[in-house]
C-alpha atoms as a PDB file:
ATOM      1  CA  MET A   1      91.707  86.337  93.542  1.00  0.00           C
ATOM      2  CA  LEU A   2      89.329  89.178  94.871  1.00  0.00           C
ATOM      3  CA  ILE A   3      90.098  92.853  94.157  1.00  0.00           C
ATOM      4  CA  ILE A   4      88.192  95.365  96.847  1.00  0.00           C
ATOM      5  CA  SER A   5      88.240  98.883  94.685  1.00  0.00           C
ATOM      6  CA  ASP A   6      85.603 101.229  94.677  1.00  0.00           C
ATOM      7  CA  ARG A   7      86.979 102.714  91.163  1.00  0.00           C
ATOM      8  CA  THR A   8      85.194 101.878  88.197  1.00  0.00           C
ATOM      9  CA  ASP A   9      88.282 101.450  86.277  1.00  0.00           C
ATOM     10  CA  THR A  10      88.857  97.741  84.440  1.00  0.00           C
ATOM     11  CA  ASP A  11      92.520  97.666  86.217  1.00  0.00           C
ATOM     12  CA  PRO A  12      92.205  99.950  89.274  1.00  0.00           C
ATOM     13  CA  VAL A  13      95.114  98.208  91.032  1.00  0.00           C
ATOM     14  CA  GLY A  14      97.366  98.132  88.099  1.00  0.00           C
ATOM     15  CA  LEU A  15      97.572  94.361  87.958  1.00  0.00           C
ATOM     16  CA  ARG A  16      97.048  94.142  84.167  1.00  0.00           C
ATOM     17  CA  SER A  17      96.674  91.065  82.282  1.00  0.00           C
ATOM     18  CA  SER A  18      96.259  87.990  84.647  1.00  0.00           C
ATOM     19  CA  PRO A  19      96.212  84.550  84.005  1.00  0.00           C
ATOM     20  CA  VAL A  20      93.833  84.317  87.726  1.00  0.00           C
ATOM     21  CA  PRO A  21      90.324  84.549  87.913  1.00  0.00           C
ATOM     22  CA  LEU A  22      89.800  88.225  89.143  1.00  0.00           C
ATOM     23  CA  LEU A  23      86.354  89.606  91.186  1.00  0.00           C
ATOM     24  CA  HIS A  24      86.521  93.019  91.198  1.00  0.00           C
ATOM     25  CA  LEU A  25      83.867  94.311  93.686  1.00  0.00           C
ATOM     26  CA  PRO A  26      83.533  97.856  95.721  1.00  0.00           C
ATOM     27  CA  SER A  27      83.983  97.575  99.615  1.00  0.00           C
ATOM     28  CA  PRO A  28      80.512  97.545 100.342  1.00  0.00           C
ATOM     29  CA  LEU A  29      79.374  94.415  97.994  1.00  0.00           C
ATOM     30  CA  PHE A  30      81.505  91.612  98.406  1.00  0.00           C
ATOM     31  CA  SER A  31      80.399  88.995 101.088  1.00  0.00           C
ATOM     32  CA  ALA A  32      82.180  87.823 103.964  1.00  0.00           C
ATOM     33  CA  GLU A  33      82.543  84.273 102.248  1.00  0.00           C
ATOM     34  CA  GLU A  34      83.442  85.803  99.065  1.00  0.00           C
ATOM     35  CA  TYR A  35      86.118  87.609 101.253  1.00  0.00           C
ATOM     36  CA  GLN A  36      87.363  84.225 103.365  1.00  0.00           C
ATOM     37  CA  ARG A  37      87.177  82.327 100.209  1.00  0.00           C
ATOM     38  CA  ALA A  38      89.748  84.322  97.937  1.00  0.00           C
ATOM     39  CA  PRO A  39      92.917  83.054  97.780  1.00  0.00           C
ATOM     40  CA  LEU A  40      94.375  86.566  97.567  1.00  0.00           C
ATOM     41  CA  VAL A  41      92.674  89.870  98.237  1.00  0.00           C
ATOM     42  CA  LEU A  42      94.175  93.228  96.960  1.00  0.00           C
ATOM     43  CA  LEU A  43      92.846  96.530  98.413  1.00  0.00           C
ATOM     44  CA  ASP A  44      92.768  98.850  96.401  1.00  0.00           C
ATOM     45  CA  ASP A  45      93.955 102.146  99.301  1.00  0.00           C
ATOM     46  CA  ARG A  46      91.752 104.484  98.081  1.00  0.00           C
ATOM     47  CA  SER A  47      89.060 102.295  99.537  1.00  0.00           C
ATOM     48  CA  TYR A  48      90.765 101.642 102.819  1.00  0.00           C
ATOM     49  CA  THR A  49      87.968 103.900 104.539  1.00  0.00           C
ATOM     50  CA  ASP A  50      85.096 102.008 102.979  1.00  0.00           C
ATOM     51  CA  PHE A  51      86.556  98.613 103.812  1.00  0.00           C
ATOM     52  CA  THR A  52      87.679  99.375 107.573  1.00  0.00           C
ATOM     53  CA  LEU A  53      83.981 100.275 108.029  1.00  0.00           C
ATOM     54  CA  ARG A  54      83.370  96.525 106.899  1.00  0.00           C
ATOM     55  CA  HIS A  55      85.053  95.391 110.055  1.00  0.00           C
ATOM     56  CA  ALA A  56      86.542  92.731 107.806  1.00  0.00           C
ATOM     57  CA  PRO A  57      88.635  89.914 109.933  1.00  0.00           C
ATOM     58  CA  HIS A  58      92.189  90.097 109.645  1.00  0.00           C
ATOM     59  CA  ARG A  59      93.238  86.852 107.163  1.00  0.00           C
ATOM     60  CA  PRO A  60      96.410  85.854 105.265  1.00  0.00           C
ATOM     61  CA  GLY A  61      96.512  87.186 101.624  1.00  0.00           C
ATOM     62  CA  LEU A  62      95.594  90.714 102.434  1.00  0.00           C
ATOM     63  CA  ILE A  63      97.848  93.078 100.407  1.00  0.00           C
ATOM     64  CA  VAL A  64      97.064  96.642 100.071  1.00  0.00           C
ATOM     65  CA  VAL A  65      97.963  98.542  96.580  1.00  0.00           C
ATOM     66  CA  LEU A  66      99.096 102.076  97.058  1.00  0.00           C
ATOM     67  CA  VAL A  67      98.303 103.921  93.819  1.00  0.00           C
ATOM     68  CA  ASP A  68     100.250 107.286  95.696  1.00  0.00           C
ATOM     69  CA  PRO A  69     103.809 106.770  96.124  1.00  0.00           C
ATOM     70  CA  ASP A  70     104.362 109.714  98.120  1.00  0.00           C
ATOM     71  CA  ASP A  71     101.607 108.344 100.598  1.00  0.00           C
ATOM     72  CA  GLY A  72     103.731 107.046 103.512  1.00  0.00           C
ATOM     73  CA  SER A  73     101.211 107.262 105.811  1.00  0.00           C
ATOM     74  CA  VAL A  74      99.777 103.631 104.141  1.00  0.00           C
ATOM     75  CA  TYR A  75     102.066 101.284 106.171  1.00  0.00           C
ATOM     76  CA  PRO A  76     100.513 101.975 109.539  1.00  0.00           C
ATOM     77  CA  ARG A  77      96.981 101.400 108.126  1.00  0.00           C
ATOM     78  CA  ALA A  78      98.086  98.092 106.028  1.00  0.00           C
ATOM     79  CA  ALA A  79      99.606  96.935 108.966  1.00  0.00           C
ATOM     80  CA  ALA A  80      95.919  98.208 111.330  1.00  0.00           C
ATOM     81  CA  ILE A  81      94.396  95.652 108.959  1.00  0.00           C
ATOM     82  CA  GLY A  82      96.506  92.985 109.046  1.00  0.00           C
ATOM     83  CA  ALA A  83      98.134  93.071 105.524  1.00  0.00           C
ATOM     84  CA  GLU A  84     100.796  91.037 104.168  1.00  0.00           C
ATOM     85  CA  ALA A  85     102.234  93.672 102.293  1.00  0.00           C
ATOM     86  CA  VAL A  86     101.994  96.919 100.318  1.00  0.00           C
ATOM     87  CA  ILE A  87     102.956  97.208  96.762  1.00  0.00           C
ATOM     88  CA  ARG A  88     102.470  99.969  94.495  1.00  0.00           C
ATOM     89  CA  ALA A  89      99.997  99.882  91.403  1.00  0.00           C
ATOM     90  CA  GLY A  90     101.731  98.281  88.420  1.00  0.00           C
ATOM     91  CA  ASP A  91     105.126  97.615  90.586  1.00  0.00           C
ATOM     92  CA  ASN A  92     106.536  94.098  91.644  1.00  0.00           C
ATOM     93  CA  LEU A  93     104.153  92.272  89.173  1.00  0.00           C
ATOM     94  CA  ASN A  94     106.436  89.620  88.927  1.00  0.00           C
ATOM     95  CA  TRP A  95     106.441  89.334  92.961  1.00  0.00           C
ATOM     96  CA  LEU A  96     102.690  89.649  92.965  1.00  0.00           C
ATOM     97  CA  HIS A  97     102.171  86.644  90.197  1.00  0.00           C
ATOM     98  CA  LEU A  98     104.587  84.220  92.378  1.00  0.00           C
ATOM     99  CA  ARG A  99     102.459  85.301  95.015  1.00  0.00           C
ATOM    100  CA  LEU A 100      98.861  84.753  93.591  1.00  0.00           C
ATOM    101  CA  HIS A 101     100.854  81.128  92.110  1.00  0.00           C
ATOM    102  CA  ASP A 102     101.528  79.926  95.771  1.00  0.00           C
ATOM    103  CA  ALA A 103      97.959  81.056  97.127  1.00  0.00           C
ATOM    104  CA  THR A 104      96.152  79.246  94.093  1.00  0.00           C
ATOM    105  CA  GLY A 105      98.185  76.125  94.529  1.00  0.00           C
ATOM    106  CA  CYS A 106     100.150  76.834  91.468  1.00  0.00           C
ATOM    107  CA  ARG A 107      97.338  76.337  88.790  1.00  0.00           C
ATOM    108  CA  TYR A 108      97.162  79.756  86.602  1.00  0.00           C
ATOM    109  CA  ALA A 109     100.882  80.865  86.853  1.00  0.00           C
ATOM    110  CA  HIS A 110     103.664  79.574  85.262  1.00  0.00           C
ATOM    111  CA  TRP A 111     106.702  80.192  88.120  1.00  0.00           C
ATOM    112  CA  GLU A 112     109.543  79.222  85.564  1.00  0.00           C
ATOM    113  CA  ALA A 113     109.194  82.411  83.620  1.00  0.00           C
ATOM    114  CA  LEU A 114     107.977  84.619  86.505  1.00  0.00           C
ATOM    115  CA  LEU A 115     111.538  83.937  88.147  1.00  0.00           C
ATOM    116  CA  ALA A 116     113.186  84.815  85.527  1.00  0.00           C
ATOM    117  CA  GLY A 117     112.295  88.532  85.906  1.00  0.00           C
ATOM    118  CA  GLY A 118     113.956  89.037  89.250  1.00  0.00           C
ATOM    119  CA  SER A 119     112.356  91.747  90.745  1.00  0.00           C
ATOM    120  CA  GLU A 120     112.595  92.592  94.506  1.00  0.00           C
ATOM    121  CA  PRO A 121     109.785  91.611  97.033  1.00  0.00           C
ATOM    122  CA  PRO A 122     107.693  94.595  98.411  1.00  0.00           C
ATOM    123  CA  PRO A 123     108.172  96.016 101.694  1.00  0.00           C
ATOM    124  CA  PRO A 124     106.594  94.629 104.571  1.00  0.00           C
ATOM    125  CA  ALA A 125     103.508  96.285 105.852  1.00  0.00           C
ATOM    126  CA  SER A 126     104.509  97.020 109.088  1.00  0.00           C
ATOM    127  CA  GLY A 127     107.252  98.968 107.099  1.00  0.00           C
END
């Protein structure tokens, strides 16, 4: 999974521990190949502007992670870049882990344990 964030935090999008291998790169440094090959891409909304300057093509599996829950402008911005969903940092982790499970062909997550959490799905990006 590719995490695009210009923050130097160890967990800039609130993913916490995840069994999926993570590649955390700032927006100017990820390659087009890394972006296309990643089964899932999480974009830190605070890095949105730098990400759009890269003119990355739309792709399935792009999820915008919102840190400021009061920022309603994230939904049109996420839709403009073709994001699949918008989630709040640290929220919807069961949904995200299930999505990771799906994106990686079930190689890293144990879906039985994830389903037990019963999280609601995040709102769609076009919201």
